[in-house]
Protein backbone atom coordinates (compact mmCIF):
# COMPACT_ATOMS: atom_id res chain seq x y z
CA MET A 1 1.66 -58.22 24.73
CA TRP A 2 -1.32 -55.89 24.64
CA THR A 3 -1.21 -52.39 23.07
CA LEU A 4 -2.60 -49.09 24.36
CA LEU A 5 -3.77 -46.29 22.10
CA ALA A 6 -1.80 -43.13 21.55
CA ALA A 7 -3.85 -40.84 19.31
CA SER A 8 -2.45 -42.21 16.10
CA LEU A 9 -1.93 -40.12 12.99
CA GLY A 10 -3.38 -42.95 10.91
CA CYS A 11 -7.08 -43.75 10.57
CA THR A 12 -9.37 -46.39 9.12
CA PRO A 13 -13.01 -45.51 8.27
CA VAL A 14 -15.64 -47.88 9.64
CA THR A 15 -19.33 -48.26 8.91
CA GLN A 16 -20.60 -48.25 12.49
CA PRO A 17 -22.32 -45.03 13.60
CA PRO A 18 -20.48 -42.46 15.75
CA LEU A 19 -20.72 -43.00 19.48
CA GLY A 20 -22.91 -40.79 21.61
CA GLY A 21 -24.50 -40.76 25.02
CA THR A 22 -28.17 -40.56 25.93
CA THR A 23 -29.74 -37.28 24.84
CA HIS A 24 -32.95 -35.56 25.86
CA PHE A 25 -33.55 -34.31 22.31
CA ASP A 26 -35.25 -36.16 19.47
CA PRO A 27 -33.90 -35.94 16.85
CA ALA A 28 -30.35 -35.56 18.09
CA SER A 29 -28.39 -32.34 17.93
CA GLY A 30 -26.87 -31.59 14.54
CA THR A 31 -29.89 -32.72 12.51
CA THR A 32 -31.34 -30.95 9.49
CA LEU A 33 -35.15 -30.81 9.75
CA THR A 34 -36.96 -30.88 6.41
CA ASP A 35 -40.60 -31.44 7.47
CA GLU A 36 -43.22 -28.71 7.42
CA GLY A 37 -43.94 -27.41 10.92
CA ALA A 38 -40.55 -28.58 12.18
CA ALA A 39 -40.31 -29.31 15.90
CA VAL A 40 -37.92 -31.00 18.33
CA SER A 41 -39.17 -33.29 21.09
CA VAL A 42 -37.78 -33.32 24.61
CA VAL A 43 -37.70 -36.93 25.81
CA GLY A 44 -36.98 -38.78 29.04
CA LEU A 45 -38.08 -35.91 31.27
CA ASP A 46 -41.83 -36.48 31.43
CA ASP A 47 -42.11 -36.11 35.21
CA VAL A 48 -40.09 -32.94 35.74
CA GLU A 49 -40.47 -29.27 34.86
CA VAL A 50 -38.41 -28.35 31.82
CA CYS A 51 -37.46 -24.78 30.87
CA VAL A 52 -36.60 -24.09 27.24
CA ALA A 53 -34.99 -21.30 25.27
CA VAL A 54 -34.27 -21.00 21.54
CA ASP A 55 -31.23 -19.02 20.35
CA VAL A 56 -30.82 -17.10 23.64
CA GLY A 57 -28.78 -19.52 25.74
CA ASP A 58 -29.58 -20.62 29.29
CA PRO A 59 -33.38 -20.58 29.71
CA GLY A 60 -33.26 -19.92 33.44
CA TYR A 61 -34.76 -22.09 36.14
CA GLY A 62 -37.66 -22.23 38.57
CA SER A 63 -39.32 -18.87 39.13
CA THR A 64 -37.04 -17.23 36.54
CA CYS A 65 -37.95 -19.68 33.77
CA ALA A 66 -39.38 -17.70 30.85
CA GLU A 67 -41.04 -20.68 29.15
CA VAL A 68 -42.00 -24.07 30.62
CA LEU A 69 -42.71 -26.96 28.27
CA GLY A 70 -46.26 -28.29 28.46
CA ALA A 71 -47.49 -31.85 28.18
CA GLU A 72 -46.53 -32.02 24.49
CA ARG A 73 -42.84 -31.61 25.31
CA THR A 74 -42.13 -30.21 21.85
CA VAL A 75 -40.26 -27.11 20.71
CA PRO A 76 -41.43 -25.65 17.36
CA LEU A 77 -38.71 -24.16 15.16
CA THR A 78 -38.81 -21.70 12.27
CA CYS A 79 -36.61 -21.64 9.18
CA GLY A 80 -32.86 -21.29 9.63
CA PHE A 81 -30.29 -22.32 12.24
CA HIS A 82 -31.28 -22.62 15.91
CA VAL A 83 -29.68 -23.40 19.25
CA VAL A 84 -32.13 -25.01 21.71
CA THR A 85 -31.29 -25.10 25.43
CA ILE A 86 -33.24 -26.95 28.13
CA ARG A 87 -32.87 -26.94 31.90
CA TRP A 88 -34.56 -29.19 34.43
CA GLY A 89 -34.31 -30.87 37.83
CA ASP A 90 -34.58 -29.88 41.47
CA GLY A 91 -31.92 -27.97 43.32
CA GLU A 92 -28.78 -28.14 41.19
CA ALA A 93 -30.40 -28.10 37.73
CA ASP A 94 -29.20 -30.02 34.70
CA THR A 95 -28.69 -28.35 31.31
CA GLU A 96 -28.47 -29.67 27.76
CA GLU A 97 -28.08 -27.92 24.43
CA ALA A 98 -28.72 -28.96 20.82
CA ASN A 99 -28.67 -27.23 17.44
CA TYR A 100 -30.66 -27.71 14.25
CA LEU A 101 -31.06 -26.38 10.74
CA VAL A 102 -34.66 -26.09 9.52
CA ASP A 103 -34.67 -26.42 5.74
CA SER A 104 -38.22 -27.39 4.73
CA PRO A 105 -39.75 -26.65 1.29
CA SER A 106 -41.59 -23.67 2.76
CA CYS A 107 -38.35 -21.96 3.78
CA ALA A 108 -37.94 -19.48 0.98
CA ASP A 109 -34.50 -18.41 2.16
CA ALA A 110 -33.20 -21.86 3.13
CA GLY A 111 -29.63 -22.42 2.05
CA GLY A 112 -29.03 -18.74 1.36
CA TRP A 113 -26.13 -18.48 3.77
CA ALA A 114 -23.98 -15.40 3.34
CA THR A 115 -21.07 -16.32 5.63
CA LEU A 116 -19.39 -19.66 6.29
CA TRP A 117 -18.58 -20.97 9.75
CA GLN A 118 -15.01 -21.51 10.94
CA ASN A 119 -15.78 -24.20 13.53
CA ASP A 120 -14.35 -26.84 11.19
CA GLU A 121 -10.98 -25.08 11.01
CA LEU A 122 -10.89 -25.08 14.81
CA VAL A 123 -11.40 -28.87 14.84
CA VAL A 124 -8.69 -29.47 12.24
CA ALA A 125 -6.21 -27.22 14.05
CA LEU A 126 -6.85 -28.77 17.46
CA VAL A 127 -6.53 -32.35 16.25
CA ALA A 128 -3.25 -31.52 14.48
CA ILE A 129 -1.88 -29.96 17.68
CA LYS A 130 -3.19 -32.87 19.76
CA ASP A 131 -1.46 -35.45 17.55
CA ASP A 132 1.80 -33.51 17.49
CA LEU A 133 1.89 -33.25 21.28
CA THR A 134 1.19 -36.98 21.66
CA CYS A 135 4.08 -37.78 19.32
CA ARG A 136 6.38 -35.52 21.30
CA MET A 137 5.53 -37.34 24.52
CA ASN A 138 6.45 -40.85 23.34
CA GLY A 139 8.21 -40.60 20.01
CA CYS A 140 4.98 -41.27 18.07
CA GLU A 141 4.86 -44.76 19.60
CA ASN A 142 1.97 -46.38 21.45
CA PRO A 143 2.97 -47.41 24.98
CA SER A 144 3.17 -51.11 25.77
CA GLY A 145 2.14 -50.73 29.40
CA VAL A 146 1.10 -48.38 32.13
CA GLY A 147 3.12 -45.25 32.81
CA ASP A 148 3.36 -41.46 32.59
CA TRP A 149 4.61 -39.17 29.84
CA SER A 150 4.62 -35.39 29.53
CA THR A 151 5.96 -32.48 27.54
CA ASP A 152 6.10 -28.72 27.81
CA CYS A 153 3.98 -26.59 25.51
CA GLY A 154 4.66 -22.89 25.86
CA SER A 155 4.43 -21.96 29.52
CA GLY A 156 2.02 -24.87 30.15
CA SER A 157 2.14 -28.64 29.86
CA VAL A 158 0.34 -31.80 28.82
CA ALA A 159 0.48 -35.02 30.85
CA TRP A 160 -0.37 -38.51 29.58
CA HIS A 161 -1.24 -41.10 32.20
CA VAL A 162 -1.97 -44.75 31.36
CA SER A 163 -3.56 -47.04 33.95
CA LEU A 164 -5.58 -50.27 34.12
CA ASP A 165 -9.22 -50.66 35.11
CA GLY A 166 -9.81 -54.39 35.13
CA LEU A 167 -9.35 -55.52 31.55
CA ARG A 168 -9.56 -51.93 30.25
CA ALA A 169 -6.65 -49.60 29.51
CA ILE A 170 -7.35 -45.96 30.42
CA SER A 171 -5.28 -43.24 28.79
CA THR A 172 -5.82 -39.73 30.16
CA PHE A 173 -4.45 -36.61 28.43
CA ARG A 174 -4.57 -33.53 30.66
CA TYR A 175 -3.81 -30.13 29.12
CA ALA A 176 -2.94 -27.27 31.47
CA ALA A 177 -2.44 -23.87 29.82
CA CYS A 178 -0.78 -25.83 27.01
CA THR A 179 0.11 -23.50 24.13
CA ALA A 180 1.11 -24.84 20.72
CA ALA A 181 0.82 -23.89 17.06
CA THR A 182 0.06 -25.58 13.78
CA THR A 183 -0.48 -24.51 10.18
CA ILE A 184 -3.72 -25.41 8.42
CA GLN A 185 -5.00 -24.73 4.93
CA VAL A 186 -7.97 -22.34 4.62
CA HIS A 187 -9.83 -21.13 1.59
CA ASP A 188 -8.27 -18.10 -0.06
CA PRO A 189 -10.26 -15.00 1.03
CA ALA A 190 -9.46 -13.49 -2.37
CA ASP A 191 -12.03 -15.99 -3.74
CA PRO A 192 -15.08 -15.09 -1.58
CA TRP A 193 -17.55 -16.97 -3.78
CA TRP A 194 -15.51 -20.21 -3.84
CA GLU A 195 -15.32 -20.21 -7.62
CA ASP A 196 -12.08 -22.18 -7.28
CA GLU A 197 -12.48 -24.96 -4.70
CA ALA A 198 -8.71 -25.58 -4.74
CA ALA A 199 -7.80 -21.98 -3.87
CA VAL A 200 -6.23 -22.32 -0.41
CA VAL A 201 -3.68 -20.41 1.65
CA PRO A 202 -1.78 -21.44 4.79
CA LEU A 203 -2.92 -20.07 8.15
CA GLU A 204 -0.89 -20.49 11.34
CA VAL A 205 -3.12 -21.13 14.35
CA THR A 206 -1.93 -20.88 17.95
CA LEU A 207 -4.14 -22.40 20.65
CA THR A 208 -3.95 -22.68 24.42
CA LEU A 209 -5.64 -25.86 25.70
CA ASP A 210 -7.16 -26.62 29.08
CA GLY A 211 -9.04 -29.85 29.72
CA THR A 212 -8.94 -33.63 29.39
CA PHE A 213 -9.38 -36.31 26.73
CA THR A 214 -9.80 -39.89 27.98
CA GLN A 215 -9.36 -43.08 25.94
CA ASP A 216 -10.96 -46.28 27.23
CA THR A 217 -9.82 -49.34 25.24
CA ASP A 218 -9.47 -53.08 25.56
CA PHE A 219 -6.14 -54.84 25.12
CA ASP A 220 -6.64 -54.97 21.34
CA GLY A 221 -6.87 -51.18 21.18
CA ASN A 222 -10.64 -51.02 20.60
CA GLY A 223 -12.78 -48.54 22.52
CA THR A 224 -13.66 -44.89 22.71
CA GLU A 225 -12.20 -41.42 23.25
CA THR A 226 -14.28 -38.76 25.02
CA GLY A 227 -13.65 -35.44 26.73
CA THR A 228 -13.64 -31.68 26.18
CA VAL A 229 -10.93 -29.05 26.16
CA GLN A 230 -11.37 -25.31 26.31
CA VAL A 231 -9.36 -23.33 23.78
CA SER A 232 -8.14 -19.75 23.73
CA GLY A 233 -5.67 -17.84 21.61
CA ASP A 234 -6.51 -17.48 17.95
CA PHE A 235 -9.81 -19.25 18.68
CA ASP A 236 -11.96 -18.76 21.75
CA GLY A 237 -14.17 -21.79 22.36
CA ALA A 238 -14.17 -25.53 23.06
CA VAL A 239 -13.68 -28.88 21.29
CA ALA A 240 -15.19 -32.20 22.37
CA SER A 241 -14.18 -35.68 21.18
CA VAL A 242 -16.62 -38.57 20.65
CA ILE A 243 -14.36 -40.94 18.73
CA GLN A 244 -14.50 -44.67 18.06
CA ILE A 245 -11.11 -46.41 18.39
CA ASP A 246 -10.39 -49.49 16.29
CA ASP A 247 -7.09 -51.35 16.48
CA ALA A 248 -5.35 -48.46 18.24
CA ALA A 249 -6.41 -45.88 15.64
CA ARG A 250 -9.31 -43.50 15.15
CA GLY A 251 -11.99 -45.39 13.30
CA GLY A 252 -14.96 -43.03 13.20
CA GLY A 253 -17.12 -40.81 15.35
CA TRP A 254 -16.92 -37.07 15.49
CA PHE A 255 -15.39 -34.00 17.05
CA GLU A 256 -17.60 -31.10 18.12
CA ALA A 257 -16.44 -27.49 18.13
CA GLY A 258 -18.00 -24.28 19.37
CA CYS A 259 -16.40 -20.85 19.34
CA ALA A 260 -17.09 -17.19 20.02
CA ALA A 261 -14.25 -15.87 17.85
CA GLY A 262 -11.64 -17.13 15.41
CA PRO A 263 -9.01 -16.01 12.88
CA VAL A 264 -10.26 -17.42 9.56
CA PRO A 265 -10.72 -14.58 7.03
CA GLY A 266 -14.27 -14.11 5.79
CA GLU A 267 -15.80 -16.70 8.15
CA VAL A 268 -17.56 -16.54 11.53
CA CYS A 269 -18.23 -18.92 14.41
CA ALA A 270 -21.60 -20.68 14.38
CA PRO A 271 -24.30 -18.61 16.14
CA GLY A 272 -24.74 -18.94 19.88
CA GLU A 273 -21.32 -20.64 20.26
CA ALA A 274 -23.15 -23.82 19.20
CA MET A 275 -21.14 -27.06 19.29
CA ILE A 276 -21.07 -28.23 15.67
CA ARG A 277 -20.22 -31.87 14.86
CA TYR A 278 -17.68 -32.82 12.21
CA ASP A 279 -17.56 -36.51 11.30
CA TYR A 280 -14.20 -38.23 11.29
CA PRO A 281 -12.19 -38.78 9.14
CA ASP A 282 -13.51 -36.57 6.31
CA TRP A 283 -14.49 -33.58 8.52
CA SER A 284 -17.91 -33.39 6.87
CA CYS A 285 -20.49 -31.35 8.74
CA HIS A 286 -22.77 -33.78 10.58
CA GLY A 287 -26.41 -33.41 9.54
CA SER A 288 -25.52 -30.99 6.71
CA ILE A 289 -26.37 -28.09 9.00
CA CYS A 290 -23.39 -25.94 8.04
CA PRO A 291 -23.66 -23.08 5.52
CA GLU A 292 -22.40 -23.78 2.02
CA PRO A 293 -20.58 -21.37 -0.31
CA GLY A 294 -23.07 -19.27 -2.25
CA ASP A 295 -23.16 -18.17 -5.86
CA PRO A 296 -21.69 -14.82 -6.92
CA PRO A 297 -24.27 -12.11 -7.68
CA VAL A 298 -25.71 -12.26 -11.18
CA GLU A 299 -24.86 -9.08 -13.02
CA GLU A 300 -27.39 -7.90 -15.57
CA GLY A 301 -25.65 -4.78 -16.77
CA THR A 302 -22.52 -2.90 -15.79
CA ASP A 303 -21.32 -2.61 -12.19
CA ALA A 304 -18.68 0.10 -12.25
CA ASP A 305 -17.81 -0.05 -8.53
CA GLY A 306 -17.88 -3.88 -8.30
CA ASP A 307 -20.14 -4.01 -5.25
CA GLY A 308 -22.57 -6.57 -6.71
CA VAL A 309 -25.28 -3.99 -7.52
CA VAL A 310 -25.64 -3.03 -11.16
CA ASP A 311 -25.34 0.65 -11.96
CA ALA A 312 -29.02 0.98 -12.88
CA ASP A 313 -30.03 -0.03 -9.33
CA ASP A 314 -27.04 1.34 -7.41
CA VAL A 315 -27.66 4.31 -5.09
CA CYS A 316 -23.89 4.96 -5.23
CA PRO A 317 -22.83 3.69 -8.69
CA ASP A 318 -19.23 4.98 -8.39
CA VAL A 319 -18.60 4.01 -4.73
CA PHE A 320 -18.23 0.43 -3.44
CA ASP A 321 -21.39 0.22 -1.30
CA PRO A 322 -22.87 -3.31 -1.06
CA PHE A 323 -25.21 -2.27 1.79
CA GLN A 324 -26.92 0.46 -0.28
CA LEU A 325 -27.81 2.68 2.69
CA ASP A 326 -29.98 5.71 1.84
CA SER A 327 -31.04 7.21 5.16
CA ASP A 328 -32.97 10.14 3.74
CA GLY A 329 -34.63 8.13 0.95
CA ASP A 330 -33.61 10.54 -1.79
CA GLY A 331 -32.21 7.82 -4.06
CA VAL A 332 -28.61 8.87 -3.35
CA GLY A 333 -26.70 6.55 -1.03
CA ASP A 334 -25.26 7.82 2.23
CA LEU A 335 -21.66 7.18 1.08
CA CYS A 336 -21.97 9.60 -1.84
CA ASP A 337 -24.79 11.95 -0.78
CA LEU A 338 -23.33 15.47 -0.79
CA GLU A 339 -26.65 16.91 0.36
CA PRO A 340 -28.04 14.48 2.94
CA GLY A 341 -31.22 15.12 4.87
CA TRP A 342 -29.35 16.94 7.65
CA TRP A 343 -25.87 17.56 8.96
CA GLY A 344 -24.29 17.88 12.38
CA ILE A 345 -21.63 20.57 12.94
CA GLN A 346 -18.83 20.08 15.48
CA PHE A 347 -16.04 22.47 16.54
CA GLU A 348 -12.57 21.20 17.37
CA THR A 349 -12.64 23.23 20.60
CA ASP A 350 -13.73 20.83 23.35
CA GLY A 351 -15.50 18.72 20.70
CA ARG A 352 -18.51 21.06 20.97
CA CYS A 353 -21.51 20.72 18.63
CA LEU A 354 -23.45 23.66 17.19
CA VAL A 355 -26.96 23.82 18.66
CA ALA A 356 -29.93 26.11 17.98
CA GLY A 357 -31.98 27.28 20.97
CA THR A 358 -35.07 29.36 21.61
CA GLY A 359 -35.36 33.03 20.68
CA GLY A 360 -32.75 32.75 17.93
CA ASP A 361 -29.93 31.85 20.30
CA VAL A 362 -27.11 29.64 19.00
CA SER A 363 -24.56 27.97 21.26
CA SER A 364 -22.20 25.02 21.38
CA THR A 365 -22.38 21.99 23.65
CA THR A 366 -20.13 19.10 24.66
CA SER A 367 -23.27 16.91 24.81
CA CYS A 368 -23.28 15.98 21.14
CA ILE A 369 -26.49 14.02 20.52
CA ALA A 370 -27.39 13.19 16.93
CA SER A 371 -31.08 12.71 17.83
CA ASP A 372 -31.37 16.27 19.24
CA PRO A 373 -33.27 18.41 16.67
CA GLY A 374 -31.37 21.46 17.91
CA GLN A 375 -28.16 19.89 16.56
CA GLN A 376 -29.68 18.92 13.21
CA TRP A 377 -29.14 21.32 10.32
CA GLU A 378 -30.83 20.92 6.93
CA VAL A 379 -28.64 22.17 4.12
CA GLY A 380 -29.53 24.21 1.07
CA GLU A 381 -27.40 25.90 -1.58
CA VAL A 382 -27.79 29.47 -2.89
CA GLY A 383 -25.36 31.00 -5.37
CA GLY A 384 -22.54 28.63 -4.45
CA ALA A 385 -22.99 29.17 -0.70
CA TYR A 386 -24.69 27.01 1.94
CA MET A 387 -27.71 27.85 4.08
CA PHE A 388 -28.22 25.90 7.30
CA LYS A 389 -31.83 25.50 8.51
CA SER A 390 -32.40 24.32 12.08
CA ARG A 391 -34.73 21.35 12.44
CA PHE A 392 -35.54 22.66 15.93
CA ASN A 393 -36.97 26.10 15.13
CA GLY A 394 -37.09 26.20 11.32
CA ALA A 395 -34.83 29.28 11.24
CA CYS A 396 -31.52 29.66 9.38
CA LEU A 397 -28.01 30.20 10.68
CA SER A 398 -27.10 33.90 10.59
CA HIS A 399 -25.19 36.51 12.57
CA THR A 400 -25.60 40.03 13.99
CA ASP A 401 -24.12 43.02 12.14
CA ALA A 402 -23.69 45.82 14.68
CA TRP A 403 -20.29 47.43 14.07
CA LEU A 404 -19.71 47.85 17.79
CA GLY A 405 -20.67 44.26 18.61
CA PRO A 406 -21.35 41.86 20.04
CA TRP A 407 -20.86 39.85 16.85
CA THR A 408 -22.97 36.81 17.67
CA VAL A 409 -24.08 33.78 15.66
CA VAL A 410 -27.89 33.53 15.72
CA THR A 411 -30.78 32.00 13.78
CA ALA A 412 -33.24 34.15 11.83
CA THR A 413 -36.20 33.65 9.54
CA CYS A 414 -34.85 31.96 6.43
CA ASP A 415 -34.31 34.40 3.56
CA GLU A 416 -32.33 33.32 0.51
CA ALA A 417 -31.59 36.98 -0.28
CA ASP A 418 -29.98 37.63 3.12
CA PRO A 419 -26.18 37.50 2.66
CA PHE A 420 -25.71 36.96 6.42
CA GLN A 421 -27.35 33.51 6.01
CA GLN A 422 -25.03 32.44 3.19
CA TRP A 423 -21.97 30.51 4.40
CA SER A 424 -19.03 28.89 2.71
CA TYR A 425 -17.55 25.74 4.22
CA GLU A 426 -13.89 26.06 3.29
CA TRP A 427 -10.61 24.32 4.01
CA TYR A 428 -8.90 25.77 7.05
CA ASP A 429 -5.40 24.59 7.94
CA GLN A 430 -4.14 27.33 10.29
CA GLY A 431 -2.19 25.46 12.96
CA GLY A 432 -2.25 22.31 10.82
CA LEU A 433 -4.99 20.52 8.91
CA SER A 434 -7.25 18.36 11.08
CA ALA A 435 -8.90 15.26 9.59
CA ALA A 436 -11.92 15.52 11.92
CA TRP A 437 -12.32 19.31 11.69
CA PRO A 438 -10.96 20.28 8.27
CA GLY A 439 -12.90 23.50 7.61
CA ARG A 440 -14.45 26.69 8.90
CA LEU A 441 -17.81 28.44 8.39
CA HIS A 442 -17.25 31.75 6.62
CA ALA A 443 -20.00 34.27 5.86
CA THR A 444 -18.28 35.95 2.93
CA SER A 445 -20.62 38.94 2.82
CA ASP A 446 -18.66 40.71 5.55
CA ASP A 447 -15.77 38.36 6.27
CA PHE A 448 -17.44 36.83 9.34
CA CYS A 449 -16.19 33.44 10.64
CA ALA A 450 -17.98 31.47 13.33
CA TYR A 451 -16.03 30.41 16.40
CA THR A 452 -16.83 29.11 19.88
CA ASP A 453 -15.30 29.23 23.35
CA PHE A 454 -15.27 26.81 26.26
CA THR A 455 -18.42 28.34 27.77
CA GLY A 456 -20.57 27.50 24.76
CA ASN A 457 -20.79 31.02 23.28
CA VAL A 458 -20.62 31.20 19.47
CA TYR A 459 -19.20 34.44 18.05
CA GLY A 460 -17.45 35.90 15.04
CA THR A 461 -15.50 39.01 14.04
CA ILE A 462 -16.75 41.21 11.23
CA ALA A 463 -14.23 42.20 8.54
CA ASN A 464 -11.36 40.10 9.84
CA CYS A 465 -11.71 36.31 10.19
CA SER A 466 -8.07 36.01 11.22
CA LEU A 467 -8.82 37.70 14.55
CA ALA A 468 -11.66 35.38 15.48
CA GLY A 469 -9.94 33.56 18.36
CA THR A 470 -7.42 30.75 18.02
CA GLU A 471 -7.46 28.41 15.05
CA SER A 472 -9.02 25.53 17.04
CA ASN A 473 -11.96 27.76 17.98
CA ARG A 474 -12.81 28.16 14.29
CA LYS A 475 -12.12 24.65 13.00
CA VAL A 476 -15.28 22.63 12.32
CA GLY A 477 -16.25 19.29 10.84
CA ILE A 478 -19.63 18.71 9.16
CA PHE A 479 -21.01 15.19 9.56
CA PRO A 480 -23.95 13.61 7.67
CA TYR A 481 -26.70 12.70 10.15
CA GLY A 482 -24.54 13.82 13.07
CA ASP A 483 -22.41 10.67 12.91
CA LEU A 484 -19.25 12.02 14.54
CA ALA A 485 -17.47 8.66 14.10
CA ALA A 486 -17.74 9.01 10.31
CA THR A 487 -15.47 10.96 7.99
CA PRO A 488 -16.64 14.59 7.79
CA ILE A 489 -17.82 16.15 4.55
CA ALA A 490 -14.92 17.62 2.58
CA PRO A 491 -15.04 21.44 2.38
CA GLY A 492 -15.38 23.25 -0.92
């Protein structure tokens, strides 16, 4: 009696190379290139026009083709990881994609990967789900003849059909919106530098599968498995099988996985949704093109905030700030710069931003644009109060003083001795404290508080801030560099 293959949980490594079809790339996809002046050749297409793109997906076709390969039929590559796509043919064009890591001696940054890929976890999760579903369909037994088996998986299903093609047994596994879960082990995100290789935590992965795997074997259970399924759920991508079958068990080959998103903490999908090969059964990355865990930063001195930058070089030594942003170049990082190059000022009322105009006019606008010089205010400090200098007209924020009004906010020639130009930015919780607009602007010289209305006018009331409109008209937030999505500067 002959035996057909059900994707067995057991496996036996073999020495023969993984199976693969004819490719138009030389070397094959998944190769690490170590030669100087690395290039990939396009083969078998000498008599047709070939479009090529590197790292940007589909290269287009015909009149839209951005780059056509010349007689050399080679694609030069720079250091790092690349996805190469070609397209050719007349009418309905053919497309093929390959990926490579260029790691030649001249690549100064080669191997300096900052983030690992999670494509391998997608492969492991899918194969575990695939094997579990196969077991559920036939009690973990290989069928002894032709037939049909199926099982529900979530709101979808998987169907297993076995037929004969001459002396070949064909097993087809069709997944239709088949949802199932498994638990895999992933590296503990609390150990980002992989200082403990054995530090793992469980991660439950739920996938929805659509597609087909086909096994073509002889009566001894020797042959191949091929096919691709699309996955969604915790991962968004695809997995392809190119597996050698020996004696009704996986004996070698590889699975390929590409994804746009996934759930593994601290890891990302390979760039360009590239299909990355993982050799079976050890799940090693084919061609050594995958990033490897790096070394933790070398600390030469104290690092009080633990961000990997020693205090002597840290633009924010007391604030965790690994990116070290210093937009105004004053040596004080953005996250702790209490006097940045300029601020944006926004009222709670209608989300209006304070803007300086011509002739000393000041208004508010719902069109908050950080790049508008009229909304950019340089900040100075005099006697414990702030002065706000407009980057539009070079004048400072002030107000009129006529006792009969109107009491209007204006700009005037900057004068540090002018009390009308000295403002406190103070906590203001009338009507409740607002996280986005926590303060008010108060010219303490004559108890004048700035407020706005829905028409864009900016006023105040001399001698009695409490009468200056409703509380929301007075509430303001002050934002470094006009970044209204950031946390405003704290008053006081």
